[in-house]
Amino acid sequence: MGTDAELPALPAPTLRIKAYEPYGTGVFLIRPDGCVGWAGVTGAGLTAYSGPDGGS
């Protein structure tokens, strides 16, 4: 949200939206249930998190 950070290629849709005040700016992975599953200033670590073991 509110960032031009480079994102890894993931098998999921990506959206760029303006910053949302409660969350601020950054890269967020929103789970299908609507909760934030991952967040960071950049996309670093997102590929590992989105893998089958959740980055463990």
C-alpha atoms as a PDB file:
ATOM      1  CA  MET A   1       0.000   0.000   0.000  1.00  0.00           C
ATOM      2  CA  GLY A   2       1.351   3.364  -0.963  1.00  0.00           C
ATOM      3  CA  THR A   3       4.671   1.958  -2.158  1.00  0.00           C
ATOM      4  CA  ASP A   4       6.420   1.213  -5.443  1.00  0.00           C
ATOM      5  CA  ALA A   5       8.409  -1.677  -3.921  1.00  0.00           C
ATOM      6  CA  GLU A   6       9.303  -4.425  -6.352  1.00  0.00           C
ATOM      7  CA  LEU A   7       7.239  -7.563  -5.789  1.00  0.00           C
ATOM      8  CA  PRO A   8       8.216 -11.174  -6.460  1.00  0.00           C
ATOM      9  CA  ALA A   9       6.251 -13.138  -9.039  1.00  0.00           C
ATOM     10  CA  LEU A  10       3.592 -15.058  -7.113  1.00  0.00           C
ATOM     11  CA  PRO A  11       0.711 -17.246  -8.280  1.00  0.00           C
ATOM     12  CA  ALA A  12      -1.768 -14.766  -6.822  1.00  0.00           C
ATOM     13  CA  PRO A  13      -3.266 -11.450  -7.912  1.00  0.00           C
ATOM     14  CA  THR A  14      -1.435  -8.297  -6.840  1.00  0.00           C
ATOM     15  CA  LEU A  15      -2.933  -4.871  -6.316  1.00  0.00           C
ATOM     16  CA  ARG A  16      -1.325  -1.510  -5.727  1.00  0.00           C
ATOM     17  CA  ILE A  17      -3.481   0.788  -3.646  1.00  0.00           C
ATOM     18  CA  LYS A  18      -2.909   4.057  -1.828  1.00  0.00           C
ATOM     19  CA  ALA A  19      -1.808   3.929   1.801  1.00  0.00           C
ATOM     20  CA  TYR A  20      -4.472   3.042   4.342  1.00  0.00           C
ATOM     21  CA  GLU A  21      -3.881   5.097   7.507  1.00  0.00           C
ATOM     22  CA  PRO A  22      -4.239   2.286  10.093  1.00  0.00           C
ATOM     23  CA  TYR A  23      -1.601   0.204   8.278  1.00  0.00           C
ATOM     24  CA  GLY A  24       0.608   2.851   6.656  1.00  0.00           C
ATOM     25  CA  THR A  25       2.712   2.029   3.620  1.00  0.00           C
ATOM     26  CA  GLY A  26       4.371  -1.262   2.727  1.00  0.00           C
ATOM     27  CA  VAL A  27       3.832  -4.662   1.160  1.00  0.00           C
ATOM     28  CA  PHE A  28       1.021  -6.764   2.613  1.00  0.00           C
ATOM     29  CA  LEU A  29      -0.170 -10.296   1.890  1.00  0.00           C
ATOM     30  CA  ILE A  30      -3.882 -10.476   2.586  1.00  0.00           C
ATOM     31  CA  ARG A  31      -5.212 -13.960   3.284  1.00  0.00           C
ATOM     32  CA  PRO A  32      -8.477 -15.169   1.697  1.00  0.00           C
ATOM     33  CA  ASP A  33     -10.237 -14.537   5.037  1.00  0.00           C
ATOM     34  CA  GLY A  34      -9.252 -10.850   4.834  1.00  0.00           C
ATOM     35  CA  CYS A  35      -6.602 -10.902   7.570  1.00  0.00           C
ATOM     36  CA  VAL A  36      -3.040  -9.683   7.039  1.00  0.00           C
ATOM     37  CA  GLY A  37      -0.880 -12.786   6.654  1.00  0.00           C
ATOM     38  CA  TRP A  38       2.466 -11.058   6.054  1.00  0.00           C
ATOM     39  CA  ALA A  39       3.748  -7.475   6.005  1.00  0.00           C
ATOM     40  CA  GLY A  40       7.036  -5.746   5.249  1.00  0.00           C
ATOM     41  CA  VAL A  41       8.600  -2.542   3.974  1.00  0.00           C
ATOM     42  CA  THR A  42       9.719  -4.392   0.820  1.00  0.00           C
ATOM     43  CA  GLY A  43       8.799  -7.691  -0.803  1.00  0.00           C
ATOM     44  CA  ALA A  44      11.898  -9.404   0.668  1.00  0.00           C
ATOM     45  CA  GLY A  45      10.831 -12.610   2.395  1.00  0.00           C
ATOM     46  CA  LEU A  46       7.424 -12.742   0.765  1.00  0.00           C
ATOM     47  CA  THR A  47       8.321 -15.599  -1.598  1.00  0.00           C
ATOM     48  CA  ALA A  48       9.534 -17.773   1.291  1.00  0.00           C
ATOM     49  CA  TYR A  49       6.448 -16.957   3.380  1.00  0.00           C
ATOM     50  CA  SER A  50       4.070 -17.819   0.552  1.00  0.00           C
ATOM     51  CA  GLY A  51       5.671 -21.241   0.032  1.00  0.00           C
ATOM     52  CA  PRO A  52       4.171 -24.507   1.284  1.00  0.00           C
ATOM     53  CA  ASP A  53       6.012 -24.360   4.637  1.00  0.00           C
ATOM     54  CA  GLY A  54       5.274 -20.689   5.347  1.00  0.00           C
ATOM     55  CA  GLY A  55       8.947 -19.715   5.383  1.00  0.00           C
ATOM     56  CA  SER A  56       9.885 -22.114   8.200  1.00  0.00           C
END
